[in-house]
Amino acid sequence: MELLLFDPVMPHINPFYVDDEIYNGDSVQLNCHVSKGDKPLTIRWSFHGEELSSHMGIETTKLGDRSSLLTITSAMAAHTGNYTCTAINRAGTTSYTTALHVNGTSPIGRKNAGIS
């Protein structure tokens, strides 16, 4: 009987980003999907280097073994910054960071409020 040994596979995070302009009150979702890497995996979110759980109107939700969803239900200026997803397994640690910028009132909201 031949014994096969495999090198552990590091986690690989699919890149994610915010593709629209975000204004006060908008909802934001970031999906961190680990497409490669040995299980078990631990997936964590951080904001400016501080680990996030669920605070400041931000929720993190585990989606199966390989994904985690970060949701901001109502964006505000305090949410502007760098969001990092970190995936950890026995082979090592991988992180991916994206920037979020929350603008003031949306042009549509300004128009509906009669502001030019």
PDB file of N, CA and C in Angstrom:
ATOM      1  N   MET A   1       0.848  -1.175   0.000  1.00  0.00           N
ATOM      2  CA  MET A   1       0.000   0.000   0.000  1.00  0.00           C
ATOM      3  C   MET A   1       0.898   1.244   0.000  1.00  0.00           C
ATOM      4  N   GLU A   2       0.598   2.132  -0.889  1.00  0.00           N
ATOM      5  CA  GLU A   2       1.379   3.360  -1.032  1.00  0.00           C
ATOM      6  C   GLU A   2       0.691   4.493  -0.278  1.00  0.00           C
ATOM      7  N   LEU A   3       1.462   5.212   0.519  1.00  0.00           N
ATOM      8  CA  LEU A   3       0.935   6.337   1.277  1.00  0.00           C
ATOM      9  C   LEU A   3       1.236   7.621   0.519  1.00  0.00           C
ATOM     10  N   LEU A   4       0.203   8.373   0.190  1.00  0.00           N
ATOM     11  CA  LEU A   4       0.374   9.631  -0.528  1.00  0.00           C
ATOM     12  C   LEU A   4       0.279  10.790   0.456  1.00  0.00           C
ATOM     13  N   LEU A   5       1.232  11.682   0.384  1.00  0.00           N
ATOM     14  CA  LEU A   5       1.216  12.879   1.219  1.00  0.00           C
ATOM     15  C   LEU A   5       0.978  14.098   0.349  1.00  0.00           C
ATOM     16  N   PHE A   6       0.132  14.978   0.809  1.00  0.00           N
ATOM     17  CA  PHE A   6      -0.176  16.191   0.063  1.00  0.00           C
ATOM     18  C   PHE A   6       0.275  17.402   0.863  1.00  0.00           C
ATOM     19  N   ASP A   7       0.825  18.374   0.161  1.00  0.00           N
ATOM     20  CA  ASP A   7       1.150  19.634   0.814  1.00  0.00           C
ATOM     21  C   ASP A   7      -0.147  20.362   1.113  1.00  0.00           C
ATOM     22  N   PRO A   8      -0.236  20.955   2.288  1.00  0.00           N
ATOM     23  CA  PRO A   8      -1.450  21.727   2.594  1.00  0.00           C
ATOM     24  C   PRO A   8      -1.597  22.894   1.615  1.00  0.00           C
ATOM     25  N   VAL A   9      -2.840  23.216   1.289  1.00  0.00           N
ATOM     26  CA  VAL A   9      -3.128  24.279   0.317  1.00  0.00           C
ATOM     27  C   VAL A   9      -3.571  25.541   1.062  1.00  0.00           C
ATOM     28  N   MET A  10      -2.840  26.639   0.812  1.00  0.00           N
ATOM     29  CA  MET A  10      -3.163  27.952   1.394  1.00  0.00           C
ATOM     30  C   MET A  10      -4.538  28.417   0.910  1.00  0.00           C
ATOM     31  N   PRO A  11      -5.231  29.183   1.725  1.00  0.00           N
ATOM     32  CA  PRO A  11      -6.498  29.763   1.267  1.00  0.00           C
ATOM     33  C   PRO A  11      -6.263  30.762   0.127  1.00  0.00           C
ATOM     34  N   HIS A  12      -7.218  30.825  -0.802  1.00  0.00           N
ATOM     35  CA  HIS A  12      -7.210  31.835  -1.870  1.00  0.00           C
ATOM     36  C   HIS A  12      -8.552  32.558  -1.816  1.00  0.00           C
ATOM     37  N   ILE A  13      -8.501  33.876  -1.639  1.00  0.00           N
ATOM     38  CA  ILE A  13      -9.716  34.694  -1.580  1.00  0.00           C
ATOM     39  C   ILE A  13      -9.964  35.315  -2.947  1.00  0.00           C
ATOM     40  N   ASN A  14     -11.180  35.114  -3.475  1.00  0.00           N
ATOM     41  CA  ASN A  14     -11.549  35.791  -4.721  1.00  0.00           C
ATOM     42  C   ASN A  14     -11.662  37.286  -4.440  1.00  0.00           C
ATOM     43  N   PRO A  15     -11.051  38.120  -5.288  1.00  0.00           N
ATOM     44  CA  PRO A  15     -11.126  39.572  -5.073  1.00  0.00           C
ATOM     45  C   PRO A  15     -12.576  40.069  -5.032  1.00  0.00           C
ATOM     46  N   PHE A  16     -12.845  41.014  -4.157  1.00  0.00           N
ATOM     47  CA  PHE A  16     -14.168  41.638  -4.051  1.00  0.00           C
ATOM     48  C   PHE A  16     -13.963  43.139  -3.924  1.00  0.00           C
ATOM     49  N   TYR A  17     -14.969  43.898  -4.310  1.00  0.00           N
ATOM     50  CA  TYR A  17     -14.846  45.352  -4.275  1.00  0.00           C
ATOM     51  C   TYR A  17     -16.233  45.985  -4.273  1.00  0.00           C
ATOM     52  N   VAL A  18     -16.263  47.271  -3.978  1.00  0.00           N
ATOM     53  CA  VAL A  18     -17.496  48.050  -4.043  1.00  0.00           C
ATOM     54  C   VAL A  18     -17.533  48.678  -5.429  1.00  0.00           C
ATOM     55  N   ASP A  19     -18.536  48.328  -6.234  1.00  0.00           N
ATOM     56  CA  ASP A  19     -18.536  48.765  -7.631  1.00  0.00           C
ATOM     57  C   ASP A  19     -19.396  49.984  -7.910  1.00  0.00           C
ATOM     58  N   ASP A  20     -20.138  50.467  -6.927  1.00  0.00           N
ATOM     59  CA  ASP A  20     -20.984  51.648  -7.121  1.00  0.00           C
ATOM     60  C   ASP A  20     -20.585  52.729  -6.125  1.00  0.00           C
ATOM     61  N   GLU A  21     -20.989  53.951  -6.410  1.00  0.00           N
ATOM     62  CA  GLU A  21     -20.806  55.009  -5.417  1.00  0.00           C
ATOM     63  C   GLU A  21     -21.774  54.739  -4.276  1.00  0.00           C
ATOM     64  N   ILE A  22     -21.294  54.897  -3.070  1.00  0.00           N
ATOM     65  CA  ILE A  22     -22.104  54.645  -1.884  1.00  0.00           C
ATOM     66  C   ILE A  22     -22.407  55.980  -1.204  1.00  0.00           C
ATOM     67  N   TYR A  23     -23.686  56.174  -0.861  1.00  0.00           N
ATOM     68  CA  TYR A  23     -24.133  57.397  -0.201  1.00  0.00           C
ATOM     69  C   TYR A  23     -24.715  57.068   1.165  1.00  0.00           C
ATOM     70  N   ASN A  24     -24.823  58.077   2.026  1.00  0.00           N
ATOM     71  CA  ASN A  24     -25.453  57.892   3.334  1.00  0.00           C
ATOM     72  C   ASN A  24     -26.789  57.178   3.169  1.00  0.00           C
ATOM     73  N   GLY A  25     -27.004  56.159   3.977  1.00  0.00           N
ATOM     74  CA  GLY A  25     -28.273  55.431   3.949  1.00  0.00           C
ATOM     75  C   GLY A  25     -28.298  54.234   3.014  1.00  0.00           C
ATOM     76  N   ASP A  26     -27.328  54.137   2.082  1.00  0.00           N
ATOM     77  CA  ASP A  26     -27.290  52.993   1.169  1.00  0.00           C
ATOM     78  C   ASP A  26     -26.925  51.720   1.928  1.00  0.00           C
ATOM     79  N   SER A  27     -27.332  50.588   1.378  1.00  0.00           N
ATOM     80  CA  SER A  27     -26.953  49.284   1.902  1.00  0.00           C
ATOM     81  C   SER A  27     -25.724  48.791   1.135  1.00  0.00           C
ATOM     82  N   VAL A  28     -24.799  48.138   1.830  1.00  0.00           N
ATOM     83  CA  VAL A  28     -23.568  47.642   1.215  1.00  0.00           C
ATOM     84  C   VAL A  28     -23.387  46.183   1.612  1.00  0.00           C
ATOM     85  N   GLN A  29     -22.977  45.344   0.640  1.00  0.00           N
ATOM     86  CA  GLN A  29     -22.623  43.960   0.941  1.00  0.00           C
ATOM     87  C   GLN A  29     -21.288  43.627   0.295  1.00  0.00           C
ATOM     88  N   LEU A  30     -20.413  42.985   1.064  1.00  0.00           N
ATOM     89  CA  LEU A  30     -19.139  42.481   0.564  1.00  0.00           C
ATOM     90  C   LEU A  30     -19.126  40.985   0.811  1.00  0.00           C
ATOM     91  N   ASN A  31     -18.826  40.205  -0.230  1.00  0.00           N
ATOM     92  CA  ASN A  31     -18.811  38.746  -0.116  1.00  0.00           C
ATOM     93  C   ASN A  31     -17.380  38.243  -0.210  1.00  0.00           C
ATOM     94  N   CYS A  32     -16.901  37.640   0.849  1.00  0.00           N
ATOM     95  CA  CYS A  32     -15.566  37.046   0.868  1.00  0.00           C
ATOM     96  C   CYS A  32     -15.716  35.561   0.603  1.00  0.00           C
ATOM     97  N   HIS A  33     -15.236  35.121  -0.558  1.00  0.00           N
ATOM     98  CA  HIS A  33     -15.334  33.710  -0.935  1.00  0.00           C
ATOM     99  C   HIS A  33     -13.932  33.129  -1.057  1.00  0.00           C
ATOM    100  N   VAL A  34     -13.681  32.066  -0.320  1.00  0.00           N
ATOM    101  CA  VAL A  34     -12.393  31.371  -0.354  1.00  0.00           C
ATOM    102  C   VAL A  34     -12.541  30.209  -1.331  1.00  0.00           C
ATOM    103  N   SER A  35     -11.993  30.387  -2.542  1.00  0.00           N
ATOM    104  CA  SER A  35     -12.205  29.409  -3.610  1.00  0.00           C
ATOM    105  C   SER A  35     -11.271  28.207  -3.521  1.00  0.00           C
ATOM    106  N   LYS A  36     -10.140  28.374  -2.835  1.00  0.00           N
ATOM    107  CA  LYS A  36      -9.171  27.282  -2.706  1.00  0.00           C
ATOM    108  C   LYS A  36      -8.660  27.265  -1.282  1.00  0.00           C
ATOM    109  N   GLY A  37      -8.160  26.114  -0.883  1.00  0.00           N
ATOM    110  CA  GLY A  37      -7.570  25.989   0.445  1.00  0.00           C
ATOM    111  C   GLY A  37      -8.188  24.843   1.215  1.00  0.00           C
ATOM    112  N   ASP A  38      -7.336  24.186   1.997  1.00  0.00           N
ATOM    113  CA  ASP A  38      -7.792  23.063   2.805  1.00  0.00           C
ATOM    114  C   ASP A  38      -8.733  23.521   3.905  1.00  0.00           C
ATOM    115  N   LYS A  39      -9.687  22.653   4.217  1.00  0.00           N
ATOM    116  CA  LYS A  39     -10.565  22.884   5.353  1.00  0.00           C
ATOM    117  C   LYS A  39      -9.936  22.185   6.553  1.00  0.00           C
ATOM    118  N   PRO A  40     -10.253  22.607   7.754  1.00  0.00           N
ATOM    119  CA  PRO A  40     -11.202  23.668   8.083  1.00  0.00           C
ATOM    120  C   PRO A  40     -10.617  25.058   7.847  1.00  0.00           C
ATOM    121  N   LEU A  41     -11.508  25.972   7.494  1.00  0.00           N
ATOM    122  CA  LEU A  41     -11.153  27.367   7.251  1.00  0.00           C
ATOM    123  C   LEU A  41     -11.797  28.247   8.312  1.00  0.00           C
ATOM    124  N   THR A  42     -11.089  29.269   8.719  1.00  0.00           N
ATOM    125  CA  THR A  42     -11.661  30.316   9.551  1.00  0.00           C
ATOM    126  C   THR A  42     -11.637  31.597   8.729  1.00  0.00           C
ATOM    127  N   ILE A  43     -12.784  32.278   8.647  1.00  0.00           N
ATOM    128  CA  ILE A  43     -12.873  33.524   7.880  1.00  0.00           C
ATOM    129  C   ILE A  43     -13.249  34.638   8.848  1.00  0.00           C
ATOM    130  N   ARG A  44     -12.458  35.727   8.817  1.00  0.00           N
ATOM    131  CA  ARG A  44     -12.687  36.867   9.707  1.00  0.00           C
ATOM    132  C   ARG A  44     -12.683  38.160   8.903  1.00  0.00           C
ATOM    133  N   TRP A  45     -13.419  39.141   9.386  1.00  0.00           N
ATOM    134  CA  TRP A  45     -13.446  40.481   8.816  1.00  0.00           C
ATOM    135  C   TRP A  45     -12.788  41.451   9.777  1.00  0.00           C
ATOM    136  N   SER A  46     -12.104  42.458   9.218  1.00  0.00           N
ATOM    137  CA  SER A  46     -11.578  43.539  10.048  1.00  0.00           C
ATOM    138  C   SER A  46     -11.793  44.877   9.345  1.00  0.00           C
ATOM    139  N   PHE A  47     -11.825  45.926  10.145  1.00  0.00           N
ATOM    140  CA  PHE A  47     -12.015  47.296   9.666  1.00  0.00           C
ATOM    141  C   PHE A  47     -10.868  48.108  10.244  1.00  0.00           C
ATOM    142  N   HIS A  48     -10.015  48.645   9.379  1.00  0.00           N
ATOM    143  CA  HIS A  48      -8.811  49.371   9.814  1.00  0.00           C
ATOM    144  C   HIS A  48      -7.979  48.542  10.796  1.00  0.00           C
ATOM    145  N   GLY A  49      -7.896  47.228  10.527  1.00  0.00           N
ATOM    146  CA  GLY A  49      -7.059  46.360  11.351  1.00  0.00           C
ATOM    147  C   GLY A  49      -7.706  45.836  12.621  1.00  0.00           C
ATOM    148  N   GLU A  50      -8.897  46.317  12.953  1.00  0.00           N
ATOM    149  CA  GLU A  50      -9.598  45.849  14.153  1.00  0.00           C
ATOM    150  C   GLU A  50     -10.637  44.813  13.742  1.00  0.00           C
ATOM    151  N   GLU A  51     -10.632  43.666  14.441  1.00  0.00           N
ATOM    152  CA  GLU A  51     -11.571  42.602  14.082  1.00  0.00           C
ATOM    153  C   GLU A  51     -13.014  43.073  14.259  1.00  0.00           C
ATOM    154  N   LEU A  52     -13.838  42.709  13.276  1.00  0.00           N
ATOM    155  CA  LEU A  52     -15.263  43.057  13.291  1.00  0.00           C
ATOM    156  C   LEU A  52     -16.066  41.846  13.719  1.00  0.00           C
ATOM    157  N   SER A  53     -17.048  42.062  14.514  1.00  0.00           N
ATOM    158  CA  SER A  53     -18.048  41.039  14.728  1.00  0.00           C
ATOM    159  C   SER A  53     -19.313  41.646  14.160  1.00  0.00           C
ATOM    160  N   SER A  54     -20.165  42.138  14.994  1.00  0.00           N
ATOM    161  CA  SER A  54     -21.342  42.854  14.503  1.00  0.00           C
ATOM    162  C   SER A  54     -21.541  44.084  15.387  1.00  0.00           C
ATOM    163  N   HIS A  55     -21.162  45.230  14.854  1.00  0.00           N
ATOM    164  CA  HIS A  55     -21.353  46.488  15.566  1.00  0.00           C
ATOM    165  C   HIS A  55     -21.411  47.613  14.556  1.00  0.00           C
ATOM    166  N   MET A  56     -21.760  48.790  14.999  1.00  0.00           N
ATOM    167  CA  MET A  56     -21.815  49.975  14.119  1.00  0.00           C
ATOM    168  C   MET A  56     -22.729  49.766  12.914  1.00  0.00           C
ATOM    169  N   GLY A  57     -23.762  48.931  13.049  1.00  0.00           N
ATOM    170  CA  GLY A  57     -24.637  48.670  11.910  1.00  0.00           C
ATOM    171  C   GLY A  57     -24.013  47.750  10.886  1.00  0.00           C
ATOM    172  N   ILE A  58     -22.967  47.010  11.285  1.00  0.00           N
ATOM    173  CA  ILE A  58     -22.297  46.066  10.394  1.00  0.00           C
ATOM    174  C   ILE A  58     -22.566  44.657  10.901  1.00  0.00           C
ATOM    175  N   GLU A  59     -22.981  43.774   9.993  1.00  0.00           N
ATOM    176  CA  GLU A  59     -23.208  42.381  10.360  1.00  0.00           C
ATOM    177  C   GLU A  59     -22.323  41.491   9.505  1.00  0.00           C
ATOM    178  N   THR A  60     -21.812  40.425  10.099  1.00  0.00           N
ATOM    179  CA  THR A  60     -21.070  39.418   9.336  1.00  0.00           C
ATOM    180  C   THR A  60     -21.818  38.099   9.467  1.00  0.00           C
ATOM    181  N   THR A  61     -21.954  37.411   8.337  1.00  0.00           N
ATOM    182  CA  THR A  61     -22.721  36.170   8.293  1.00  0.00           C
ATOM    183  C   THR A  61     -21.915  35.103   7.565  1.00  0.00           C
ATOM    184  N   LYS A  62     -21.750  33.951   8.194  1.00  0.00           N
ATOM    185  CA  LYS A  62     -21.059  32.834   7.559  1.00  0.00           C
ATOM    186  C   LYS A  62     -22.006  32.189   6.551  1.00  0.00           C
ATOM    187  N   LEU A  63     -21.505  31.951   5.346  1.00  0.00           N
ATOM    188  CA  LEU A  63     -22.295  31.305   4.298  1.00  0.00           C
ATOM    189  C   LEU A  63     -21.593  30.005   3.915  1.00  0.00           C
ATOM    190  N   GLY A  64     -21.947  28.916   4.542  1.00  0.00           N
ATOM    191  CA  GLY A  64     -21.292  27.642   4.260  1.00  0.00           C
ATOM    192  C   GLY A  64     -19.878  27.616   4.811  1.00  0.00           C
ATOM    193  N   ASP A  65     -19.042  26.736   4.259  1.00  0.00           N
ATOM    194  CA  ASP A  65     -17.670  26.556   4.743  1.00  0.00           C
ATOM    195  C   ASP A  65     -16.675  27.530   4.138  1.00  0.00           C
ATOM    196  N   ARG A  66     -17.040  28.190   3.023  1.00  0.00           N
ATOM    197  CA  ARG A  66     -16.046  28.952   2.262  1.00  0.00           C
ATOM    198  C   ARG A  66     -16.391  30.410   2.021  1.00  0.00           C
ATOM    199  N   SER A  67     -17.464  30.918   2.595  1.00  0.00           N
ATOM    200  CA  SER A  67     -17.851  32.307   2.333  1.00  0.00           C
ATOM    201  C   SER A  67     -18.331  32.998   3.594  1.00  0.00           C
ATOM    202  N   SER A  68     -18.137  34.317   3.600  1.00  0.00           N
ATOM    203  CA  SER A  68     -18.659  35.167   4.668  1.00  0.00           C
ATOM    204  C   SER A  68     -19.141  36.462   4.038  1.00  0.00           C
ATOM    205  N   LEU A  69     -20.292  36.921   4.479  1.00  0.00           N
ATOM    206  CA  LEU A  69     -20.916  38.125   3.937  1.00  0.00           C
ATOM    207  C   LEU A  69     -20.864  39.228   4.980  1.00  0.00           C
ATOM    208  N   LEU A  70     -20.352  40.391   4.581  1.00  0.00           N
ATOM    209  CA  LEU A  70     -20.363  41.575   5.438  1.00  0.00           C
ATOM    210  C   LEU A  70     -21.458  42.487   4.914  1.00  0.00           C
ATOM    211  N   THR A  71     -22.368  42.890   5.792  1.00  0.00           N
ATOM    212  CA  THR A  71     -23.488  43.743   5.399  1.00  0.00           C
ATOM    213  C   THR A  71     -23.521  44.993   6.260  1.00  0.00           C
ATOM    214  N   ILE A  72     -23.609  46.141   5.592  1.00  0.00           N
ATOM    215  CA  ILE A  72     -23.847  47.422   6.262  1.00  0.00           C
ATOM    216  C   ILE A  72     -25.253  47.823   5.862  1.00  0.00           C
ATOM    217  N   THR A  73     -26.169  47.848   6.818  1.00  0.00           N
ATOM    218  CA  THR A  73     -27.573  48.081   6.475  1.00  0.00           C
ATOM    219  C   THR A  73     -27.859  49.522   6.077  1.00  0.00           C
ATOM    220  N   SER A  74     -27.154  50.469   6.684  1.00  0.00           N
ATOM    221  CA  SER A  74     -27.363  51.873   6.351  1.00  0.00           C
ATOM    222  C   SER A  74     -26.022  52.605   6.479  1.00  0.00           C
ATOM    223  N   ALA A  75     -25.348  52.777   5.358  1.00  0.00           N
ATOM    224  CA  ALA A  75     -24.002  53.352   5.356  1.00  0.00           C
ATOM    225  C   ALA A  75     -23.999  54.789   5.854  1.00  0.00           C
ATOM    226  N   MET A  76     -22.911  55.137   6.553  1.00  0.00           N
ATOM    227  CA  MET A  76     -22.700  56.516   6.996  1.00  0.00           C
ATOM    228  C   MET A  76     -21.202  56.797   6.911  1.00  0.00           C
ATOM    229  N   ALA A  77     -20.827  58.042   7.085  1.00  0.00           N
ATOM    230  CA  ALA A  77     -19.426  58.442   6.930  1.00  0.00           C
ATOM    231  C   ALA A  77     -18.485  57.606   7.788  1.00  0.00           C
ATOM    232  N   ALA A  78     -18.922  57.195   8.978  1.00  0.00           N
ATOM    233  CA  ALA A  78     -18.072  56.405   9.882  1.00  0.00           C
ATOM    234  C   ALA A  78     -17.701  55.041   9.294  1.00  0.00           C
ATOM    235  N   HIS A  79     -18.431  54.581   8.278  1.00  0.00           N
ATOM    236  CA  HIS A  79     -18.132  53.307   7.631  1.00  0.00           C
ATOM    237  C   HIS A  79     -17.041  53.429   6.563  1.00  0.00           C
ATOM    238  N   THR A  80     -16.629  54.652   6.231  1.00  0.00           N
ATOM    239  CA  THR A  80     -15.575  54.850   5.238  1.00  0.00           C
ATOM    240  C   THR A  80     -14.273  54.257   5.765  1.00  0.00           C
ATOM    241  N   GLY A  81     -13.616  53.462   4.916  1.00  0.00           N
ATOM    242  CA  GLY A  81     -12.334  52.888   5.324  1.00  0.00           C
ATOM    243  C   GLY A  81     -12.037  51.583   4.622  1.00  0.00           C
ATOM    244  N   ASN A  82     -11.045  50.878   5.139  1.00  0.00           N
ATOM    245  CA  ASN A  82     -10.580  49.629   4.549  1.00  0.00           C
ATOM    246  C   ASN A  82     -11.175  48.426   5.272  1.00  0.00           C
ATOM    247  N   TYR A  83     -11.762  47.534   4.488  1.00  0.00           N
ATOM    248  CA  TYR A  83     -12.346  46.295   4.998  1.00  0.00           C
ATOM    249  C   TYR A  83     -11.491  45.136   4.510  1.00  0.00           C
ATOM    250  N   THR A  84     -11.094  44.277   5.446  1.00  0.00           N
ATOM    251  CA  THR A  84     -10.219  43.156   5.121  1.00  0.00           C
ATOM    252  C   THR A  84     -10.881  41.853   5.509  1.00  0.00           C
ATOM    253  N   CYS A  85     -10.855  40.914   4.575  1.00  0.00           N
ATOM    254  CA  CYS A  85     -11.282  39.547   4.846  1.00  0.00           C
ATOM    255  C   CYS A  85     -10.011  38.719   4.996  1.00  0.00           C
ATOM    256  N   THR A  86      -9.938  37.922   6.052  1.00  0.00           N
ATOM    257  CA  THR A  86      -8.789  37.064   6.299  1.00  0.00           C
ATOM    258  C   THR A  86      -9.259  35.621   6.399  1.00  0.00           C
ATOM    259  N   ALA A  87      -8.604  34.746   5.652  1.00  0.00           N
ATOM    260  CA  ALA A  87      -8.905  33.316   5.686  1.00  0.00           C
ATOM    261  C   ALA A  87      -7.699  32.585   6.260  1.00  0.00           C
ATOM    262  N   ILE A  88      -7.970  31.683   7.198  1.00  0.00           N
ATOM    263  CA  ILE A  88      -6.915  30.976   7.906  1.00  0.00           C
ATOM    264  C   ILE A  88      -7.179  29.471   7.838  1.00  0.00           C
ATOM    265  N   ASN A  89      -6.129  28.715   7.524  1.00  0.00           N
ATOM    266  CA  ASN A  89      -6.191  27.264   7.647  1.00  0.00           C
ATOM    267  C   ASN A  89      -4.823  26.756   8.103  1.00  0.00           C
ATOM    268  N   ARG A  90      -4.630  25.449   8.150  1.00  0.00           N
ATOM    269  CA  ARG A  90      -3.372  24.906   8.673  1.00  0.00           C
ATOM    270  C   ARG A  90      -2.175  25.227   7.791  1.00  0.00           C
ATOM    271  N   ALA A  91      -2.421  25.603   6.525  1.00  0.00           N
ATOM    272  CA  ALA A  91      -1.318  25.943   5.613  1.00  0.00           C
ATOM    273  C   ALA A  91      -0.871  27.391   5.763  1.00  0.00           C
ATOM    274  N   GLY A  92      -1.735  28.249   6.308  1.00  0.00           N
ATOM    275  CA  GLY A  92      -1.347  29.650   6.456  1.00  0.00           C
ATOM    276  C   GLY A  92      -2.533  30.596   6.462  1.00  0.00           C
ATOM    277  N   THR A  93      -2.224  31.858   6.226  1.00  0.00           N
ATOM    278  CA  THR A  93      -3.207  32.945   6.292  1.00  0.00           C
ATOM    279  C   THR A  93      -3.133  33.782   5.021  1.00  0.00           C
ATOM    280  N   THR A  94      -4.292  34.142   4.493  1.00  0.00           N
ATOM    281  CA  THR A  94      -4.383  35.007   3.324  1.00  0.00           C
ATOM    282  C   THR A  94      -5.402  36.105   3.620  1.00  0.00           C
ATOM    283  N   SER A  95      -5.121  37.323   3.161  1.00  0.00           N
ATOM    284  CA  SER A  95      -6.052  38.441   3.361  1.00  0.00           C
ATOM    285  C   SER A  95      -6.287  39.182   2.056  1.00  0.00           C
ATOM    286  N   TYR A  96      -7.451  39.809   1.959  1.00  0.00           N
ATOM    287  CA  TYR A  96      -7.774  40.688   0.836  1.00  0.00           C
ATOM    288  C   TYR A  96      -8.477  41.911   1.417  1.00  0.00           C
ATOM    289  N   THR A  97      -8.075  43.099   0.954  1.00  0.00           N
ATOM    290  CA  THR A  97      -8.613  44.353   1.470  1.00  0.00           C
ATOM    291  C   THR A  97      -9.231  45.175   0.347  1.00  0.00           C
ATOM    292  N   THR A  98     -10.363  45.797   0.640  1.00  0.00           N
ATOM    293  CA  THR A  98     -10.969  46.735  -0.300  1.00  0.00           C
ATOM    294  C   THR A  98     -11.358  47.996   0.458  1.00  0.00           C
ATOM    295  N   ALA A  99     -11.391  49.102  -0.255  1.00  0.00           N
ATOM    296  CA  ALA A  99     -11.725  50.393   0.353  1.00  0.00           C
ATOM    297  C   ALA A  99     -13.180  50.737   0.071  1.00  0.00           C
ATOM    298  N   LEU A 100     -13.823  51.320   1.070  1.00  0.00           N
ATOM    299  CA  LEU A 100     -15.186  51.799   0.940  1.00  0.00           C
ATOM    300  C   LEU A 100     -15.190  53.285   1.280  1.00  0.00           C
ATOM    301  N   HIS A 101     -15.798  54.080   0.404  1.00  0.00           N
ATOM    302  CA  HIS A 101     -15.949  55.505   0.679  1.00  0.00           C
ATOM    303  C   HIS A 101     -17.437  55.835   0.639  1.00  0.00           C
ATOM    304  N   VAL A 102     -17.931  56.381   1.737  1.00  0.00           N
ATOM    305  CA  VAL A 102     -19.343  56.765   1.818  1.00  0.00           C
ATOM    306  C   VAL A 102     -19.441  58.264   1.564  1.00  0.00           C
ATOM    307  N   ASN A 103     -20.160  58.617   0.488  1.00  0.00           N
ATOM    308  CA  ASN A 103     -20.386  60.018   0.141  1.00  0.00           C
ATOM    309  C   ASN A 103     -21.532  60.577   0.970  1.00  0.00           C
ATOM    310  N   GLY A 104     -21.780  61.860   0.842  1.00  0.00           N
ATOM    311  CA  GLY A 104     -22.904  62.505   1.532  1.00  0.00           C
ATOM    312  C   GLY A 104     -24.227  62.056   0.947  1.00  0.00           C
ATOM    313  N   THR A 105     -25.175  62.948   0.856  1.00  0.00           N
ATOM    314  CA  THR A 105     -26.506  62.644   0.339  1.00  0.00           C
ATOM    315  C   THR A 105     -26.440  62.328  -1.145  1.00  0.00           C
ATOM    316  N   SER A 106     -27.163  61.294  -1.561  1.00  0.00           N
ATOM    317  CA  SER A 106     -27.160  60.908  -2.972  1.00  0.00           C
ATOM    318  C   SER A 106     -27.820  61.980  -3.825  1.00  0.00           C
ATOM    319  N   PRO A 107     -27.422  62.078  -5.103  1.00  0.00           N
ATOM    320  CA  PRO A 107     -28.053  63.058  -5.997  1.00  0.00           C
ATOM    321  C   PRO A 107     -29.564  62.868  -6.087  1.00  0.00           C
ATOM    322  N   ILE A 108     -30.035  61.619  -6.046  1.00  0.00           N
ATOM    323  CA  ILE A 108     -31.483  61.349  -6.121  1.00  0.00           C
ATOM    324  C   ILE A 108     -32.163  61.867  -4.860  1.00  0.00           C
ATOM    325  N   GLY A 109     -31.556  61.592  -3.694  1.00  0.00           N
ATOM    326  CA  GLY A 109     -32.117  62.076  -2.428  1.00  0.00           C
ATOM    327  C   GLY A 109     -32.159  63.587  -2.381  1.00  0.00           C
ATOM    328  N   ARG A 110     -31.122  64.230  -2.907  1.00  0.00           N
ATOM    329  CA  ARG A 110     -31.072  65.701  -2.932  1.00  0.00           C
ATOM    330  C   ARG A 110     -32.186  66.238  -3.826  1.00  0.00           C
ATOM    331  N   LYS A 111     -32.397  65.596  -4.978  1.00  0.00           N
ATOM    332  CA  LYS A 111     -33.443  66.045  -5.908  1.00  0.00           C
ATOM    333  C   LYS A 111     -34.832  65.896  -5.268  1.00  0.00           C
ATOM    334  N   ASN A 112     -35.069  64.745  -4.607  1.00  0.00           N
ATOM    335  CA  ASN A 112     -36.372  64.510  -3.962  1.00  0.00           C
ATOM    336  C   ASN A 112     -36.603  65.484  -2.809  1.00  0.00           C
ATOM    337  N   ALA A 113     -35.519  65.952  -2.188  1.00  0.00           N
ATOM    338  CA  ALA A 113     -35.654  66.901  -1.074  1.00  0.00           C
ATOM    339  C   ALA A 113     -35.720  68.343  -1.568  1.00  0.00           C
ATOM    340  N   GLY A 114     -35.635  68.535  -2.886  1.00  0.00           N
ATOM    341  CA  GLY A 114     -35.695  69.882  -3.457  1.00  0.00           C
ATOM    342  C   GLY A 114     -34.376  70.645  -3.349  1.00  0.00           C
ATOM    343  N   ILE A 115     -33.273  69.903  -3.198  1.00  0.00           N
ATOM    344  CA  ILE A 115     -31.949  70.524  -3.100  1.00  0.00           C
ATOM    345  C   ILE A 115     -31.257  70.397  -4.446  1.00  0.00           C
ATOM    346  N   SER A 116     -30.631  71.467  -4.901  1.00  0.00           N
ATOM    347  CA  SER A 116     -29.916  71.428  -6.183  1.00  0.00           C
ATOM    348  C   SER A 116     -28.444  71.248  -5.972  1.00  0.00           C
TER     349      SER A 116
END
